Amino acid sequence: MTSQPQPRPAPPRPDTSPAARLPDPPGAWAEEPPREKHEPGHAGLPVARPAMRSWTRVDSFRYAFHGWWYVIRTQRNAWIHTIISVLVIMIGLWLGLDLDHWAMIVLAMSGVWMAEFLNTAMEAVVDLASPQLHPLAKVGKDVAAAAVLVAATAAVVVGLLILAPPLWTRLFGA
């Protein structure tokens, strides 16, 4: 007589309430050695600190460039931002923009890049916190994408206001 395979029990339903707290991943917090009585945290409980904290400025810059490279590698729109940024810089150099115009161009471009970085970070955190489809996860991602749209639209307007008149004059005369 052969035994029938037992059906697998259903996995527990995840708590999708806003108050649900995900557990910290293993190794996320390292414990410090116990402190002396005159030091903070002396009550016998170790003081937790992040294990992945950057300890040097060089590490901080390396992590930042890793993040930038991650955005470039994984986000299609980042390639569009890269190409447009390079074109705007080349056109600005060709036109000989003054420092005030360069400042406005740099601020507009950096606003777009910051919005793209924050959008990518928001998407990663939402995917980590909510692997299942959830309406609030969609809201978070949509709002972050809207921030990129607003920044990019503003940058286009700034670029047109600054670059269009001298470009028109250079290409077609007065």
N, C-alpha and C. Protein backbone atom coordinates (compact mmCIF):
# COMPACT_ATOMS: atom_id res chain seq x y z
N MET A 1 0.84 -1.16 0.00
CA MET A 1 0.00 0.00 0.00
C MET A 1 0.89 1.24 0.00
N THR A 2 0.69 2.13 -0.96
CA THR A 2 1.51 3.35 -1.06
C THR A 2 0.84 4.48 -0.30
N SER A 3 1.64 5.25 0.31
CA SER A 3 1.07 6.37 1.05
C SER A 3 0.93 7.58 0.12
N GLN A 4 -0.13 8.27 0.32
CA GLN A 4 -0.39 9.47 -0.48
C GLN A 4 0.47 10.62 0.05
N PRO A 5 1.03 11.43 -0.86
CA PRO A 5 1.82 12.57 -0.36
C PRO A 5 0.90 13.54 0.38
N GLN A 6 1.39 14.00 1.48
CA GLN A 6 0.61 14.95 2.28
C GLN A 6 0.69 16.34 1.64
N PRO A 7 -0.45 17.01 1.57
CA PRO A 7 -0.40 18.37 1.01
C PRO A 7 0.39 19.29 1.96
N ARG A 8 1.07 20.23 1.36
CA ARG A 8 1.83 21.19 2.15
C ARG A 8 0.88 22.14 2.86
N PRO A 9 1.19 22.48 4.07
CA PRO A 9 0.34 23.47 4.73
C PRO A 9 0.55 24.84 4.07
N ALA A 10 -0.50 25.60 4.05
CA ALA A 10 -0.42 26.93 3.45
C ALA A 10 0.50 27.80 4.29
N PRO A 11 1.32 28.62 3.64
CA PRO A 11 2.18 29.50 4.43
C PRO A 11 1.33 30.52 5.17
N PRO A 12 1.80 30.99 6.29
CA PRO A 12 1.02 31.97 7.03
C PRO A 12 0.87 33.25 6.22
N ARG A 13 -0.29 33.86 6.33
CA ARG A 13 -0.54 35.10 5.59
C ARG A 13 0.30 36.22 6.20
N PRO A 14 0.96 36.99 5.35
CA PRO A 14 1.77 38.08 5.90
C PRO A 14 0.87 39.18 6.45
N ASP A 15 1.36 39.83 7.48
CA ASP A 15 0.63 40.96 8.07
C ASP A 15 0.85 42.16 7.16
N THR A 16 -0.19 42.62 6.49
CA THR A 16 -0.06 43.73 5.57
C THR A 16 -0.55 45.04 6.17
N SER A 17 -0.80 45.04 7.45
CA SER A 17 -1.25 46.27 8.08
C SER A 17 -0.12 47.29 8.09
N PRO A 18 -0.46 48.58 8.09
CA PRO A 18 0.60 49.60 8.11
C PRO A 18 1.49 49.50 9.33
N ALA A 19 0.96 48.94 10.42
CA ALA A 19 1.75 48.86 11.64
C ALA A 19 2.69 47.66 11.65
N ALA A 20 2.62 46.80 10.64
CA ALA A 20 3.47 45.60 10.62
C ALA A 20 4.93 46.02 10.54
N ARG A 21 5.76 45.37 11.29
CA ARG A 21 7.19 45.68 11.31
C ARG A 21 7.96 44.45 10.87
N LEU A 22 8.78 44.61 9.85
CA LEU A 22 9.59 43.50 9.39
C LEU A 22 10.75 43.30 10.34
N PRO A 23 11.13 42.05 10.58
CA PRO A 23 12.27 41.83 11.47
C PRO A 23 13.56 42.31 10.81
N ASP A 24 14.52 42.68 11.62
CA ASP A 24 15.82 43.08 11.09
C ASP A 24 16.49 41.87 10.48
N PRO A 25 17.18 42.05 9.35
CA PRO A 25 17.90 40.92 8.76
C PRO A 25 19.02 40.47 9.68
N PRO A 26 19.41 39.20 9.58
CA PRO A 26 20.49 38.71 10.44
C PRO A 26 21.76 39.52 10.22
N GLY A 27 22.42 39.90 11.30
CA GLY A 27 23.66 40.64 11.20
C GLY A 27 23.48 42.12 10.94
N ALA A 28 22.24 42.62 10.95
CA ALA A 28 22.02 44.03 10.66
C ALA A 28 22.52 44.90 11.79
N TRP A 29 22.52 44.39 12.99
CA TRP A 29 23.00 45.16 14.14
C TRP A 29 24.07 44.35 14.85
N ALA A 30 25.16 45.01 15.13
CA ALA A 30 26.24 44.36 15.88
C ALA A 30 26.21 44.90 17.31
N GLU A 31 26.59 44.07 18.22
CA GLU A 31 26.59 44.49 19.62
C GLU A 31 27.96 45.02 20.02
N GLU A 32 27.92 46.10 20.80
CA GLU A 32 29.16 46.61 21.35
C GLU A 32 29.46 45.85 22.64
N PRO A 33 30.70 45.87 23.07
CA PRO A 33 31.00 45.23 24.36
C PRO A 33 30.30 45.98 25.48
N PRO A 34 30.01 45.29 26.58
CA PRO A 34 29.35 45.97 27.70
C PRO A 34 30.17 47.17 28.17
N ARG A 35 29.46 48.20 28.61
CA ARG A 35 30.11 49.43 29.03
C ARG A 35 30.33 49.45 30.54
N GLU A 36 31.24 50.28 30.95
CA GLU A 36 31.47 50.49 32.37
C GLU A 36 30.29 51.24 32.95
N LYS A 37 30.18 51.26 34.28
CA LYS A 37 29.03 51.89 34.93
C LYS A 37 28.92 53.38 34.63
N HIS A 38 30.02 54.06 34.37
CA HIS A 38 29.95 55.49 34.12
C HIS A 38 29.65 55.82 32.65
N GLU A 39 29.57 54.81 31.78
CA GLU A 39 29.31 55.05 30.37
C GLU A 39 27.83 54.84 30.06
N PRO A 40 27.32 55.50 28.99
CA PRO A 40 25.93 55.25 28.58
C PRO A 40 25.76 53.78 28.22
N GLY A 41 24.59 53.25 28.49
CA GLY A 41 24.30 51.86 28.16
C GLY A 41 24.86 50.88 29.17
N HIS A 42 25.16 51.33 30.40
CA HIS A 42 25.78 50.47 31.39
C HIS A 42 24.80 49.54 32.10
N ALA A 43 23.51 49.62 31.81
CA ALA A 43 22.51 48.86 32.55
C ALA A 43 22.57 47.37 32.27
N GLY A 44 23.64 46.91 31.70
CA GLY A 44 23.76 45.49 31.42
C GLY A 44 23.31 45.12 30.01
N LEU A 45 22.67 46.05 29.31
CA LEU A 45 22.23 45.80 27.94
C LEU A 45 23.23 46.41 26.98
N PRO A 46 23.67 45.65 26.00
CA PRO A 46 24.61 46.22 25.04
C PRO A 46 23.91 47.26 24.17
N VAL A 47 24.66 48.22 23.71
CA VAL A 47 24.13 49.26 22.84
C VAL A 47 24.31 48.78 21.41
N ALA A 48 23.22 48.78 20.64
CA ALA A 48 23.29 48.31 19.26
C ALA A 48 23.73 49.44 18.36
N ARG A 49 24.45 49.10 17.34
CA ARG A 49 24.84 50.06 16.30
C ARG A 49 24.78 49.34 14.97
N PRO A 50 24.58 50.08 13.87
CA PRO A 50 24.53 49.42 12.56
C PRO A 50 25.86 48.74 12.25
N ALA A 51 25.79 47.52 11.75
CA ALA A 51 27.01 46.78 11.43
C ALA A 51 27.61 47.27 10.11
N MET A 52 26.79 47.81 9.21
CA MET A 52 27.25 48.18 7.89
C MET A 52 27.56 49.67 7.81
N ARG A 53 27.89 50.30 8.90
CA ARG A 53 28.17 51.73 8.93
C ARG A 53 29.52 51.98 8.27
N SER A 54 29.60 53.05 7.47
CA SER A 54 30.88 53.37 6.86
C SER A 54 31.73 54.13 7.87
N TRP A 55 32.96 53.70 8.02
CA TRP A 55 33.82 54.26 9.04
C TRP A 55 34.76 55.30 8.49
N THR A 56 34.96 55.37 7.19
CA THR A 56 35.86 56.36 6.63
C THR A 56 35.15 57.14 5.54
N ARG A 57 35.66 58.29 5.25
CA ARG A 57 35.10 59.11 4.16
C ARG A 57 35.27 58.39 2.82
N VAL A 58 36.38 57.71 2.66
CA VAL A 58 36.61 56.97 1.41
C VAL A 58 35.52 55.92 1.23
N ASP A 59 35.18 55.19 2.31
CA ASP A 59 34.10 54.20 2.23
C ASP A 59 32.79 54.88 1.84
N SER A 60 32.51 56.02 2.43
CA SER A 60 31.27 56.73 2.13
C SER A 60 31.19 57.09 0.65
N PHE A 61 32.28 57.61 0.10
CA PHE A 61 32.29 57.95 -1.32
C PHE A 61 32.17 56.70 -2.18
N ARG A 62 32.85 55.62 -1.78
CA ARG A 62 32.76 54.38 -2.55
C ARG A 62 31.32 53.87 -2.58
N TYR A 63 30.63 53.90 -1.43
CA TYR A 63 29.23 53.47 -1.39
C TYR A 63 28.36 54.36 -2.27
N ALA A 64 28.63 55.66 -2.24
CA ALA A 64 27.84 56.58 -3.06
C ALA A 64 28.03 56.29 -4.55
N PHE A 65 29.27 56.05 -4.96
CA PHE A 65 29.51 55.75 -6.38
C PHE A 65 28.95 54.38 -6.76
N HIS A 66 28.95 53.44 -5.82
CA HIS A 66 28.29 52.15 -6.08
C HIS A 66 26.79 52.37 -6.34
N GLY A 67 26.19 53.23 -5.54
CA GLY A 67 24.77 53.54 -5.74
C GLY A 67 24.52 54.21 -7.07
N TRP A 68 25.38 55.15 -7.43
CA TRP A 68 25.24 55.84 -8.72
C TRP A 68 25.37 54.82 -9.86
N TRP A 69 26.36 53.96 -9.77
CA TRP A 69 26.56 52.96 -10.82
C TRP A 69 25.37 52.00 -10.87
N TYR A 70 24.80 51.64 -9.73
CA TYR A 70 23.62 50.78 -9.70
C TYR A 70 22.46 51.43 -10.47
N VAL A 71 22.26 52.72 -10.24
CA VAL A 71 21.18 53.43 -10.95
C VAL A 71 21.45 53.42 -12.45
N ILE A 72 22.68 53.72 -12.84
CA ILE A 72 23.02 53.74 -14.26
C ILE A 72 22.80 52.36 -14.90
N ARG A 73 23.19 51.29 -14.19
CA ARG A 73 23.08 49.94 -14.75
C ARG A 73 21.65 49.44 -14.83
N THR A 74 20.80 49.83 -13.88
CA THR A 74 19.51 49.16 -13.76
C THR A 74 18.30 49.99 -14.20
N GLN A 75 18.47 51.29 -14.33
CA GLN A 75 17.32 52.14 -14.64
C GLN A 75 17.42 52.67 -16.07
N ARG A 76 16.44 52.32 -16.89
CA ARG A 76 16.45 52.78 -18.28
C ARG A 76 16.46 54.29 -18.37
N ASN A 77 15.66 54.95 -17.54
CA ASN A 77 15.58 56.41 -17.62
C ASN A 77 16.89 57.08 -17.22
N ALA A 78 17.71 56.41 -16.44
CA ALA A 78 19.00 57.00 -16.07
C ALA A 78 19.88 57.16 -17.30
N TRP A 79 19.76 56.26 -18.26
CA TRP A 79 20.54 56.41 -19.49
C TRP A 79 20.06 57.63 -20.26
N ILE A 80 18.76 57.86 -20.27
CA ILE A 80 18.22 59.06 -20.93
C ILE A 80 18.75 60.30 -20.21
N HIS A 81 18.73 60.31 -18.87
CA HIS A 81 19.26 61.44 -18.11
C HIS A 81 20.74 61.65 -18.41
N THR A 82 21.48 60.55 -18.53
CA THR A 82 22.92 60.65 -18.81
C THR A 82 23.16 61.29 -20.16
N ILE A 83 22.47 60.82 -21.19
CA ILE A 83 22.67 61.34 -22.55
C ILE A 83 22.28 62.82 -22.61
N ILE A 84 21.14 63.16 -22.02
CA ILE A 84 20.70 64.56 -22.05
C ILE A 84 21.65 65.44 -21.25
N SER A 85 22.13 64.95 -20.10
CA SER A 85 23.08 65.73 -19.30
C SER A 85 24.35 66.02 -20.09
N VAL A 86 24.89 65.00 -20.76
CA VAL A 86 26.11 65.19 -21.55
C VAL A 86 25.85 66.16 -22.70
N LEU A 87 24.71 66.02 -23.38
CA LEU A 87 24.39 66.94 -24.48
C LEU A 87 24.25 68.38 -24.00
N VAL A 88 23.57 68.58 -22.88
CA VAL A 88 23.39 69.93 -22.34
C VAL A 88 24.74 70.53 -21.97
N ILE A 89 25.62 69.74 -21.35
CA ILE A 89 26.95 70.25 -21.00
C ILE A 89 27.73 70.61 -22.25
N MET A 90 27.68 69.77 -23.27
CA MET A 90 28.40 70.07 -24.52
C MET A 90 27.86 71.33 -25.19
N ILE A 91 26.54 71.46 -25.24
CA ILE A 91 25.94 72.65 -25.85
C ILE A 91 26.29 73.89 -25.04
N GLY A 92 26.24 73.78 -23.71
CA GLY A 92 26.59 74.92 -22.87
C GLY A 92 28.03 75.35 -23.06
N LEU A 93 28.95 74.40 -23.18
CA LEU A 93 30.35 74.73 -23.44
C LEU A 93 30.50 75.40 -24.81
N TRP A 94 29.80 74.86 -25.81
CA TRP A 94 29.86 75.41 -27.17
C TRP A 94 29.33 76.84 -27.20
N LEU A 95 28.27 77.10 -26.43
CA LEU A 95 27.67 78.43 -26.41
C LEU A 95 28.43 79.41 -25.51
N GLY A 96 29.30 78.89 -24.65
CA GLY A 96 30.04 79.75 -23.75
C GLY A 96 29.14 80.40 -22.70
N LEU A 97 28.33 79.61 -22.03
CA LEU A 97 27.42 80.14 -21.02
C LEU A 97 28.19 80.83 -19.90
N ASP A 98 27.57 81.84 -19.31
CA ASP A 98 28.19 82.50 -18.17
C ASP A 98 27.92 81.69 -16.89
N LEU A 99 28.57 82.07 -15.80
CA LEU A 99 28.49 81.30 -14.56
C LEU A 99 27.08 81.23 -13.98
N ASP A 100 26.31 82.31 -14.10
CA ASP A 100 24.95 82.28 -13.58
C ASP A 100 24.10 81.24 -14.31
N HIS A 101 24.24 81.18 -15.62
CA HIS A 101 23.49 80.18 -16.39
C HIS A 101 23.96 78.77 -16.07
N TRP A 102 25.29 78.60 -15.89
CA TRP A 102 25.81 77.28 -15.52
C TRP A 102 25.25 76.83 -14.18
N ALA A 103 25.16 77.78 -13.25
CA ALA A 103 24.63 77.43 -11.92
C ALA A 103 23.19 76.92 -12.04
N MET A 104 22.38 77.59 -12.85
CA MET A 104 20.98 77.16 -13.01
C MET A 104 20.90 75.81 -13.71
N ILE A 105 21.74 75.60 -14.72
CA ILE A 105 21.75 74.32 -15.44
C ILE A 105 22.17 73.19 -14.50
N VAL A 106 23.23 73.41 -13.73
CA VAL A 106 23.72 72.37 -12.81
C VAL A 106 22.66 72.06 -11.75
N LEU A 107 22.01 73.08 -11.21
CA LEU A 107 20.95 72.83 -10.22
C LEU A 107 19.80 72.04 -10.82
N ALA A 108 19.40 72.38 -12.04
CA ALA A 108 18.30 71.65 -12.68
C ALA A 108 18.69 70.20 -12.94
N MET A 109 19.90 69.98 -13.45
CA MET A 109 20.34 68.60 -13.73
C MET A 109 20.49 67.80 -12.45
N SER A 110 21.05 68.42 -11.41
CA SER A 110 21.22 67.68 -10.16
C SER A 110 19.87 67.37 -9.52
N GLY A 111 18.88 68.23 -9.71
CA GLY A 111 17.54 67.94 -9.21
C GLY A 111 16.95 66.70 -9.86
N VAL A 112 17.17 66.56 -11.16
CA VAL A 112 16.68 65.37 -11.87
C VAL A 112 17.40 64.12 -11.37
N TRP A 113 18.73 64.21 -11.22
CA TRP A 113 19.49 63.05 -10.75
C TRP A 113 19.10 62.67 -9.34
N MET A 114 18.94 63.66 -8.46
CA MET A 114 18.54 63.33 -7.09
C MET A 114 17.16 62.66 -7.06
N ALA A 115 16.23 63.17 -7.87
CA ALA A 115 14.90 62.55 -7.92
C ALA A 115 15.00 61.12 -8.44
N GLU A 116 15.84 60.89 -9.44
CA GLU A 116 16.01 59.53 -9.97
C GLU A 116 16.63 58.60 -8.93
N PHE A 117 17.62 59.10 -8.19
CA PHE A 117 18.23 58.28 -7.14
C PHE A 117 17.21 57.94 -6.05
N LEU A 118 16.45 58.94 -5.62
CA LEU A 118 15.45 58.69 -4.58
C LEU A 118 14.35 57.76 -5.07
N ASN A 119 13.98 57.89 -6.33
CA ASN A 119 12.98 57.01 -6.91
C ASN A 119 13.48 55.56 -6.90
N THR A 120 14.72 55.36 -7.31
CA THR A 120 15.29 54.01 -7.33
C THR A 120 15.37 53.44 -5.91
N ALA A 121 15.81 54.28 -4.96
CA ALA A 121 15.88 53.82 -3.57
C ALA A 121 14.48 53.47 -3.04
N MET A 122 13.50 54.29 -3.35
CA MET A 122 12.12 54.04 -2.90
C MET A 122 11.61 52.73 -3.49
N GLU A 123 11.87 52.49 -4.76
CA GLU A 123 11.43 51.24 -5.38
C GLU A 123 12.08 50.03 -4.71
N ALA A 124 13.37 50.13 -4.40
CA ALA A 124 14.06 49.01 -3.76
C ALA A 124 13.50 48.75 -2.36
N VAL A 125 13.28 49.80 -1.61
CA VAL A 125 12.77 49.63 -0.24
C VAL A 125 11.34 49.09 -0.26
N VAL A 126 10.51 49.59 -1.18
CA VAL A 126 9.13 49.10 -1.27
C VAL A 126 9.12 47.64 -1.69
N ASP A 127 9.98 47.26 -2.64
CA ASP A 127 10.05 45.85 -3.05
C ASP A 127 10.50 44.96 -1.90
N LEU A 128 11.42 45.46 -1.09
CA LEU A 128 11.89 44.70 0.06
C LEU A 128 10.79 44.55 1.11
N ALA A 129 10.09 45.64 1.40
CA ALA A 129 9.08 45.63 2.46
C ALA A 129 7.79 44.97 2.03
N SER A 130 7.47 45.02 0.75
CA SER A 130 6.19 44.50 0.27
C SER A 130 6.40 43.69 -1.00
N PRO A 131 6.88 42.43 -0.87
CA PRO A 131 7.11 41.62 -2.07
C PRO A 131 5.82 41.33 -2.83
N GLN A 132 4.69 41.31 -2.11
CA GLN A 132 3.41 41.09 -2.77
C GLN A 132 2.88 42.44 -3.29
N LEU A 133 2.02 42.36 -4.28
CA LEU A 133 1.39 43.58 -4.78
C LEU A 133 0.51 44.16 -3.68
N HIS A 134 0.63 45.44 -3.47
CA HIS A 134 -0.16 46.10 -2.44
C HIS A 134 -0.47 47.51 -2.93
N PRO A 135 -1.69 48.01 -2.72
CA PRO A 135 -2.04 49.34 -3.21
C PRO A 135 -1.15 50.45 -2.64
N LEU A 136 -0.74 50.35 -1.38
CA LEU A 136 0.12 51.38 -0.81
C LEU A 136 1.53 51.33 -1.40
N ALA A 137 1.99 50.15 -1.75
CA ALA A 137 3.29 50.03 -2.41
C ALA A 137 3.24 50.73 -3.76
N LYS A 138 2.13 50.57 -4.46
CA LYS A 138 1.96 51.24 -5.75
C LYS A 138 1.95 52.75 -5.58
N VAL A 139 1.28 53.23 -4.55
CA VAL A 139 1.23 54.67 -4.29
C VAL A 139 2.65 55.21 -4.06
N GLY A 140 3.42 54.52 -3.22
CA GLY A 140 4.78 54.96 -2.95
C GLY A 140 5.63 55.04 -4.21
N LYS A 141 5.54 54.01 -5.04
CA LYS A 141 6.32 54.00 -6.27
C LYS A 141 5.84 55.06 -7.25
N ASP A 142 4.52 55.23 -7.36
CA ASP A 142 3.98 56.22 -8.29
C ASP A 142 4.36 57.65 -7.88
N VAL A 143 4.31 57.93 -6.59
CA VAL A 143 4.66 59.28 -6.12
C VAL A 143 6.15 59.54 -6.35
N ALA A 144 7.00 58.55 -6.12
CA ALA A 144 8.43 58.73 -6.36
C ALA A 144 8.69 58.96 -7.85
N ALA A 145 7.97 58.24 -8.71
CA ALA A 145 8.13 58.45 -10.15
C ALA A 145 7.62 59.84 -10.56
N ALA A 146 6.57 60.31 -9.90
CA ALA A 146 6.07 61.65 -10.19
C ALA A 146 7.10 62.71 -9.83
N ALA A 147 7.88 62.49 -8.78
CA ALA A 147 8.93 63.44 -8.41
C ALA A 147 9.97 63.55 -9.53
N VAL A 148 10.31 62.43 -10.14
CA VAL A 148 11.25 62.46 -11.26
C VAL A 148 10.64 63.23 -12.43
N LEU A 149 9.36 62.99 -12.69
CA LEU A 149 8.70 63.70 -13.79
C LEU A 149 8.70 65.20 -13.57
N VAL A 150 8.39 65.64 -12.35
CA VAL A 150 8.37 67.07 -12.05
C VAL A 150 9.77 67.66 -12.20
N ALA A 151 10.78 66.98 -11.67
CA ALA A 151 12.15 67.48 -11.77
C ALA A 151 12.61 67.54 -13.23
N ALA A 152 12.29 66.52 -14.01
CA ALA A 152 12.70 66.50 -15.41
C ALA A 152 11.99 67.58 -16.21
N THR A 153 10.70 67.79 -15.94
CA THR A 153 9.96 68.84 -16.65
C THR A 153 10.54 70.22 -16.32
N ALA A 154 10.82 70.44 -15.04
CA ALA A 154 11.42 71.72 -14.64
C ALA A 154 12.78 71.91 -15.30
N ALA A 155 13.58 70.84 -15.38
CA ALA A 155 14.90 70.93 -16.00
C ALA A 155 14.78 71.25 -17.49
N VAL A 156 13.80 70.68 -18.16
CA VAL A 156 13.59 70.99 -19.58
C VAL A 156 13.24 72.47 -19.75
N VAL A 157 12.36 72.97 -18.89
CA VAL A 157 11.98 74.39 -18.98
C VAL A 157 13.20 75.28 -18.74
N VAL A 158 13.97 74.98 -17.69
CA VAL A 158 15.18 75.76 -17.42
C VAL A 158 16.14 75.68 -18.60
N GLY A 159 16.34 74.48 -19.14
CA GLY A 159 17.23 74.32 -20.28
C GLY A 159 16.78 75.11 -21.49
N LEU A 160 15.49 75.09 -21.77
CA LEU A 160 14.98 75.87 -22.91
C LEU A 160 15.14 77.37 -22.69
N LEU A 161 14.83 77.83 -21.49
CA LEU A 161 14.95 79.26 -21.20
C LEU A 161 16.38 79.75 -21.31
N ILE A 162 17.32 78.90 -20.92
CA ILE A 162 18.73 79.33 -20.94
C ILE A 162 19.40 79.04 -22.28
N LEU A 163 19.16 77.88 -22.84
CA LEU A 163 19.90 77.47 -24.04
C LEU A 163 19.26 77.90 -25.35
N ALA A 164 17.94 78.00 -25.40
CA ALA A 164 17.27 78.26 -26.68
C ALA A 164 17.67 79.59 -27.32
N PRO A 165 17.64 80.72 -26.60
CA PRO A 165 17.98 81.99 -27.29
C PRO A 165 19.40 82.02 -27.86
N PRO A 166 20.45 81.67 -27.08
CA PRO A 166 21.78 81.73 -27.71
C PRO A 166 21.98 80.65 -28.77
N LEU A 167 21.33 79.51 -28.59
CA LEU A 167 21.44 78.45 -29.60
C LEU A 167 20.80 78.89 -30.90
N TRP A 168 19.64 79.53 -30.83
CA TRP A 168 18.94 80.04 -32.01
C TRP A 168 19.82 81.06 -32.72
N THR A 169 20.41 81.98 -31.94
CA THR A 169 21.26 83.00 -32.53
C THR A 169 22.49 82.36 -33.19
N ARG A 170 23.09 81.39 -32.53
CA ARG A 170 24.29 80.76 -33.09
C ARG A 170 23.98 79.98 -34.36
N LEU A 171 22.81 79.32 -34.40
CA LEU A 171 22.47 78.49 -35.56
C LEU A 171 21.89 79.29 -36.73
N PHE A 172 21.06 80.28 -36.44
CA PHE A 172 20.32 80.95 -37.51
C PHE A 172 20.61 82.44 -37.61
N GLY A 173 21.58 82.94 -36.87
CA GLY A 173 21.86 84.38 -36.87
C GLY A 173 20.79 85.09 -36.07
N ALA A 174 20.82 86.38 -36.09
CA ALA A 174 19.87 87.18 -35.30
C ALA A 174 18.51 86.95 -35.82
